[in-house]
C-alpha atoms as a PDB file:
ATOM      1  CA  MET A   1     -21.900 -20.943 -14.141  1.00  0.00           C
ATOM      2  CA  ALA A   2     -22.295 -20.030 -10.444  1.00  0.00           C
ATOM      3  CA  ARG A   3     -18.520 -19.565 -10.138  1.00  0.00           C
ATOM      4  CA  PHE A   4     -18.582 -17.158 -13.116  1.00  0.00           C
ATOM      5  CA  VAL A   5     -21.449 -15.150 -11.590  1.00  0.00           C
ATOM      6  CA  ILE A   6     -19.646 -14.867  -8.251  1.00  0.00           C
ATOM      7  CA  ALA A   7     -16.369 -13.906  -9.932  1.00  0.00           C
ATOM      8  CA  THR A   8     -18.168 -11.337 -12.098  1.00  0.00           C
ATOM      9  CA  GLY A   9     -19.862  -9.874  -9.016  1.00  0.00           C
ATOM     10  CA  VAL A  10     -16.528  -9.571  -7.196  1.00  0.00           C
ATOM     11  CA  VAL A  11     -14.900  -7.882 -10.193  1.00  0.00           C
ATOM     12  CA  THR A  12     -17.833  -5.478 -10.588  1.00  0.00           C
ATOM     13  CA  ALA A  13     -17.660  -4.514  -6.911  1.00  0.00           C
ATOM     14  CA  LEU A  14     -13.933  -3.938  -7.186  1.00  0.00           C
ATOM     15  CA  VAL A  15     -14.253  -1.794 -10.298  1.00  0.00           C
ATOM     16  CA  LEU A  16     -16.841   0.346  -8.538  1.00  0.00           C
ATOM     17  CA  ALA A  17     -14.663   0.556  -5.422  1.00  0.00           C
ATOM     18  CA  ALA A  18     -11.579   1.473  -7.440  1.00  0.00           C
ATOM     19  CA  GLY A  19     -13.522   4.098  -9.363  1.00  0.00           C
ATOM     20  CA  SER A  20     -14.654   5.797  -6.161  1.00  0.00           C
ATOM     21  CA  THR A  21     -11.297   5.911  -4.392  1.00  0.00           C
ATOM     22  CA  GLY A  22     -11.057   9.663  -4.865  1.00  0.00           C
ATOM     23  CA  ALA A  23     -13.963  10.012  -2.453  1.00  0.00           C
ATOM     24  CA  GLN A  24     -12.461   7.839   0.265  1.00  0.00           C
ATOM     25  CA  VAL A  25     -11.788   9.591   3.544  1.00  0.00           C
ATOM     26  CA  ALA A  26     -10.480   8.072   6.735  1.00  0.00           C
ATOM     27  CA  ARG A  27     -13.440   7.307   9.007  1.00  0.00           C
ATOM     28  CA  SER A  28     -11.560   8.754  11.946  1.00  0.00           C
ATOM     29  CA  GLY A  29     -10.737  11.930  10.055  1.00  0.00           C
ATOM     30  CA  TYR A  30      -7.024  11.344  10.692  1.00  0.00           C
ATOM     31  CA  THR A  31      -4.745  12.382   7.847  1.00  0.00           C
ATOM     32  CA  LEU A  32      -1.128  11.268   7.757  1.00  0.00           C
ATOM     33  CA  PRO A  33       1.020  14.417   7.940  1.00  0.00           C
ATOM     34  CA  LEU A  34       3.474  15.008   5.116  1.00  0.00           C
ATOM     35  CA  SER A  35       6.389  15.060   7.575  1.00  0.00           C
ATOM     36  CA  LEU A  36       5.609  11.510   8.738  1.00  0.00           C
ATOM     37  CA  ALA A  37       5.062  10.300   5.177  1.00  0.00           C
ATOM     38  CA  MET A  38       8.474  11.692   4.193  1.00  0.00           C
ATOM     39  CA  GLU A  39      10.122  10.117   7.218  1.00  0.00           C
ATOM     40  CA  ALA A  40       8.569   6.700   6.554  1.00  0.00           C
ATOM     41  CA  ALA A  41       9.598   6.738   2.883  1.00  0.00           C
ATOM     42  CA  ALA A  42      13.148   7.829   3.735  1.00  0.00           C
ATOM     43  CA  GLU A  43      13.473   5.092   6.362  1.00  0.00           C
ATOM     44  CA  ALA A  44      12.227   2.448   3.922  1.00  0.00           C
ATOM     45  CA  VAL A  45      14.788   3.532   1.306  1.00  0.00           C
ATOM     46  CA  ARG A  46      17.515   3.672   3.972  1.00  0.00           C
ATOM     47  CA  ALA A  47      16.662   0.182   5.239  1.00  0.00           C
ATOM     48  CA  CYS A  48      16.925  -1.259   1.745  1.00  0.00           C
ATOM     49  CA  GLU A  49      20.114   0.685   0.939  1.00  0.00           C
ATOM     50  CA  SER A  50      21.728  -0.723   4.090  1.00  0.00           C
ATOM     51  CA  ASN A  51      21.226  -4.158   2.531  1.00  0.00           C
ATOM     52  CA  GLY A  52      22.557  -3.072  -0.856  1.00  0.00           C
ATOM     53  CA  TYR A  53      19.169  -2.644  -2.568  1.00  0.00           C
ATOM     54  CA  ALA A  54      18.447   0.407  -4.726  1.00  0.00           C
ATOM     55  CA  VAL A  55      14.727   1.078  -4.312  1.00  0.00           C
ATOM     56  CA  SER A  56      12.008   3.669  -4.554  1.00  0.00           C
ATOM     57  CA  ALA A  57       9.311   4.243  -1.948  1.00  0.00           C
ATOM     58  CA  ALA A  58       5.846   5.747  -2.244  1.00  0.00           C
ATOM     59  CA  VAL A  59       3.354   6.781   0.403  1.00  0.00           C
ATOM     60  CA  VAL A  60      -0.271   7.176  -0.662  1.00  0.00           C
ATOM     61  CA  ASP A  61      -3.114   8.650   1.350  1.00  0.00           C
ATOM     62  CA  VAL A  62      -6.403   6.900   2.051  1.00  0.00           C
ATOM     63  CA  SER A  63      -7.678   7.936  -1.394  1.00  0.00           C
ATOM     64  CA  GLY A  64      -4.697   6.353  -3.144  1.00  0.00           C
ATOM     65  CA  VAL A  65      -3.182   9.727  -4.038  1.00  0.00           C
ATOM     66  CA  VAL A  66       0.609  10.004  -3.834  1.00  0.00           C
ATOM     67  CA  LYS A  67       1.716  11.901  -0.759  1.00  0.00           C
ATOM     68  CA  VAL A  68       5.441  11.151  -1.184  1.00  0.00           C
ATOM     69  CA  GLN A  69       7.438   9.519  -3.960  1.00  0.00           C
ATOM     70  CA  ALA A  70      11.122   8.945  -3.150  1.00  0.00           C
ATOM     71  CA  LYS A  71      13.455   7.533  -5.786  1.00  0.00           C
ATOM     72  CA  GLY A  72      16.450   6.054  -4.035  1.00  0.00           C
ATOM     73  CA  ASP A  73      19.941   6.571  -5.415  1.00  0.00           C
ATOM     74  CA  HIS A  74      20.655   4.211  -8.323  1.00  0.00           C
ATOM     75  CA  SER A  75      17.128   2.774  -8.362  1.00  0.00           C
ATOM     76  CA  THR A  76      15.714   2.075 -11.810  1.00  0.00           C
ATOM     77  CA  ILE A  77      12.781   3.932 -13.328  1.00  0.00           C
ATOM     78  CA  HIS A  78      10.262   1.081 -12.964  1.00  0.00           C
ATOM     79  CA  THR A  79      10.659   1.134  -9.176  1.00  0.00           C
ATOM     80  CA  ARG A  80       8.686   4.387  -9.075  1.00  0.00           C
ATOM     81  CA  ASP A  81       5.618   2.717 -10.537  1.00  0.00           C
ATOM     82  CA  SER A  82       5.915  -0.547  -8.619  1.00  0.00           C
ATOM     83  CA  SER A  83       6.294   1.224  -5.254  1.00  0.00           C
ATOM     84  CA  PHE A  84       3.202   3.357  -5.961  1.00  0.00           C
ATOM     85  CA  ARG A  85       1.113   0.443  -7.208  1.00  0.00           C
ATOM     86  CA  LYS A  86       1.961  -1.716  -4.182  1.00  0.00           C
ATOM     87  CA  ALA A  87       0.917   1.070  -1.790  1.00  0.00           C
ATOM     88  CA  TYR A  88      -2.200   1.816  -3.854  1.00  0.00           C
ATOM     89  CA  THR A  89      -3.210  -1.862  -3.767  1.00  0.00           C
ATOM     90  CA  VAL A  90      -3.024  -1.925   0.028  1.00  0.00           C
ATOM     91  CA  VAL A  91      -4.877   1.324   0.649  1.00  0.00           C
ATOM     92  CA  THR A  92      -7.680   0.707  -1.860  1.00  0.00           C
ATOM     93  CA  LEU A  93      -8.260  -3.047  -1.527  1.00  0.00           C
ATOM     94  CA  GLY A  94      -6.954  -3.725   1.994  1.00  0.00           C
ATOM     95  CA  PRO A  95     -10.080  -2.392   3.723  1.00  0.00           C
ATOM     96  CA  ILE A  96     -12.332  -4.448   1.408  1.00  0.00           C
ATOM     97  CA  PHE A  97     -10.457  -7.752   1.678  1.00  0.00           C
ATOM     98  CA  HIS A  98      -9.044  -7.205   5.180  1.00  0.00           C
ATOM     99  CA  PHE A  99      -5.312  -7.265   4.506  1.00  0.00           C
ATOM    100  CA  ASP A 100      -2.484  -4.996   5.673  1.00  0.00           C
ATOM    101  CA  ALA A 101       0.240  -6.021   3.217  1.00  0.00           C
ATOM    102  CA  SER A 102       0.342  -6.514  -0.529  1.00  0.00           C
ATOM    103  CA  SER A 103       1.931  -9.951  -0.025  1.00  0.00           C
ATOM    104  CA  THR A 104      -1.365 -11.111   1.475  1.00  0.00           C
ATOM    105  CA  PHE A 105      -3.254  -9.721  -1.517  1.00  0.00           C
ATOM    106  CA  ALA A 106      -0.855 -11.516  -3.882  1.00  0.00           C
ATOM    107  CA  GLU A 107      -1.667 -14.802  -2.122  1.00  0.00           C
ATOM    108  CA  LEU A 108      -5.416 -14.099  -2.242  1.00  0.00           C
ATOM    109  CA  ALA A 109      -5.310 -13.179  -5.943  1.00  0.00           C
ATOM    110  CA  ALA A 110      -3.326 -16.319  -6.801  1.00  0.00           C
ATOM    111  CA  LYS A 111      -5.938 -18.562  -5.127  1.00  0.00           C
ATOM    112  CA  ASN A 112      -9.087 -16.772  -6.327  1.00  0.00           C
ATOM    113  CA  PRO A 113     -10.587 -17.628  -9.736  1.00  0.00           C
ATOM    114  CA  ALA A 114     -11.243 -13.885 -10.187  1.00  0.00           C
ATOM    115  CA  GLY A 115      -7.697 -12.993  -9.095  1.00  0.00           C
ATOM    116  CA  GLN A 116      -6.430 -12.284 -12.583  1.00  0.00           C
ATOM    117  CA  ALA A 117      -9.344  -9.955 -13.299  1.00  0.00           C
ATOM    118  CA  ILE A 118      -8.938  -8.150  -9.977  1.00  0.00           C
ATOM    119  CA  SER A 119      -5.219  -7.760 -10.609  1.00  0.00           C
ATOM    120  CA  SER A 120      -5.896  -6.198 -14.002  1.00  0.00           C
ATOM    121  CA  LEU A 121      -7.651  -3.190 -12.465  1.00  0.00           C
ATOM    122  CA  PRO A 122      -5.726   0.071 -12.967  1.00  0.00           C
ATOM    123  CA  ASP A 123      -2.747   0.475 -10.612  1.00  0.00           C
ATOM    124  CA  ILE A 124      -3.351  -2.818  -8.758  1.00  0.00           C
ATOM    125  CA  LEU A 125      -0.193  -4.907  -8.357  1.00  0.00           C
ATOM    126  CA  PRO A 126      -0.308  -8.336  -6.676  1.00  0.00           C
ATOM    127  CA  LEU A 127       3.296  -8.332  -5.449  1.00  0.00           C
ATOM    128  CA  ALA A 128       4.783  -8.074  -1.974  1.00  0.00           C
ATOM    129  CA  GLY A 129       6.183  -4.699  -0.942  1.00  0.00           C
ATOM    130  CA  GLY A 130       3.238  -2.599   0.237  1.00  0.00           C
ATOM    131  CA  VAL A 131       2.297  -2.121   3.896  1.00  0.00           C
ATOM    132  CA  ALA A 132      -0.622  -0.317   5.545  1.00  0.00           C
ATOM    133  CA  ILE A 133      -0.104   2.638   7.835  1.00  0.00           C
ATOM    134  CA  LYS A 134      -2.826   2.317  10.435  1.00  0.00           C
ATOM    135  CA  ALA A 135      -4.409   4.465  13.100  1.00  0.00           C
ATOM    136  CA  GLY A 136      -5.850   1.813  15.380  1.00  0.00           C
ATOM    137  CA  ASP A 137      -7.583  -0.693  13.100  1.00  0.00           C
ATOM    138  CA  GLU A 138      -8.080   1.812  10.278  1.00  0.00           C
ATOM    139  CA  ILE A 139      -5.832   2.032   7.211  1.00  0.00           C
ATOM    140  CA  VAL A 140      -5.056   5.744   6.810  1.00  0.00           C
ATOM    141  CA  ALA A 141      -2.228   5.470   4.260  1.00  0.00           C
ATOM    142  CA  ALA A 142       0.151   2.898   2.790  1.00  0.00           C
ATOM    143  CA  LEU A 143       3.854   2.668   2.030  1.00  0.00           C
ATOM    144  CA  GLY A 144       5.103   0.740  -0.981  1.00  0.00           C
ATOM    145  CA  VAL A 145       8.676  -0.182  -1.883  1.00  0.00           C
ATOM    146  CA  GLY A 146       9.973  -1.470  -5.204  1.00  0.00           C
ATOM    147  CA  GLY A 147      13.401  -2.480  -6.467  1.00  0.00           C
ATOM    148  CA  ALA A 148      14.870  -5.027  -4.058  1.00  0.00           C
ATOM    149  CA  PRO A 149      15.560  -8.512  -5.458  1.00  0.00           C
ATOM    150  CA  GLY A 150      12.261  -9.944  -4.268  1.00  0.00           C
ATOM    151  CA  GLY A 151       9.035  -8.519  -2.910  1.00  0.00           C
ATOM    152  CA  ASP A 152       9.722  -9.996   0.517  1.00  0.00           C
ATOM    153  CA  LYS A 153      12.753  -7.709   0.783  1.00  0.00           C
ATOM    154  CA  ASP A 154      10.720  -4.725  -0.447  1.00  0.00           C
ATOM    155  CA  GLU A 155       8.087  -5.484   2.153  1.00  0.00           C
ATOM    156  CA  ALA A 156      10.649  -5.762   4.957  1.00  0.00           C
ATOM    157  CA  CYS A 157      11.900  -2.279   4.065  1.00  0.00           C
ATOM    158  CA  ALA A 158       8.331  -0.933   3.912  1.00  0.00           C
ATOM    159  CA  ARG A 159       7.678  -2.405   7.355  1.00  0.00           C
ATOM    160  CA  ALA A 160      10.806  -0.643   8.653  1.00  0.00           C
ATOM    161  CA  GLY A 161       9.481   2.653   7.289  1.00  0.00           C
ATOM    162  CA  VAL A 162       6.084   2.172   8.908  1.00  0.00           C
ATOM    163  CA  ALA A 163       7.656   1.086  12.201  1.00  0.00           C
ATOM    164  CA  LYS A 164       9.651   4.341  12.279  1.00  0.00           C
ATOM    165  CA  ILE A 165       6.467   6.433  12.465  1.00  0.00           C
ATOM    166  CA  GLN A 166       3.827   4.061  13.887  1.00  0.00           C
ATOM    167  CA  GLU A 167       4.016   5.226  17.503  1.00  0.00           C
ATOM    168  CA  ARG A 168       3.478   8.853  16.478  1.00  0.00           C
ATOM    169  CA  VAL A 169       0.611   7.952  14.118  1.00  0.00           C
ATOM    170  CA  THR A 170      -1.098   6.048  16.929  1.00  0.00           C
ATOM    171  CA  ALA A 171      -0.571   8.885  19.442  1.00  0.00           C
ATOM    172  CA  ALA A 172      -1.859  11.543  17.027  1.00  0.00           C
ATOM    173  CA  ALA A 173      -4.918   9.501  16.112  1.00  0.00           C
ATOM    174  CA  GLN A 174      -5.704   8.860  19.787  1.00  0.00           C
ATOM    175  CA  LYS A 175      -5.304  12.536  20.581  1.00  0.00           C
ATOM    176  CA  ARG A 176      -7.660  13.411  17.733  1.00  0.00           C
ATOM    177  CA  ALA A 177     -10.225  10.916  19.022  1.00  0.00           C
ATOM    178  CA  GLY A 178     -10.152  12.776  22.293  1.00  0.00           C
END
């Protein structure tokens, strides 16, 4: 009974958190510029294409709203949704459960008795392929990739996209902080 109450409490908190994502704003006030979002998505697609994988990439802002959606050449239609959902999972649940990559969430969900319920929330996807874009310790956006033969490969491409812009995100956030 206690396990059910705890699991129900976790699910309730997550539903409330997911329902309020439209109101989320980066604590620092930093907003990822569109130009950097486009560059990160393009680099993620390029990294996967260089390995023969046809993928899509999505960048979402701190509220989980799509900033960029890039459908790579020859990628299938479902990659659009999976790339978005992986990024959305990281940006909306990462700050709550302290993870920076959707692979970590997938592991947490698999081990948690409430994992199936958490994973059934709208747009949550417990698969590898999403990576946080951070300004310092704060998640300010996320990049998701879908379409490679395995989430680990998607996530490697997402990491390449984030790495391409990370230095400039850090510098801009530090400049903003004064």
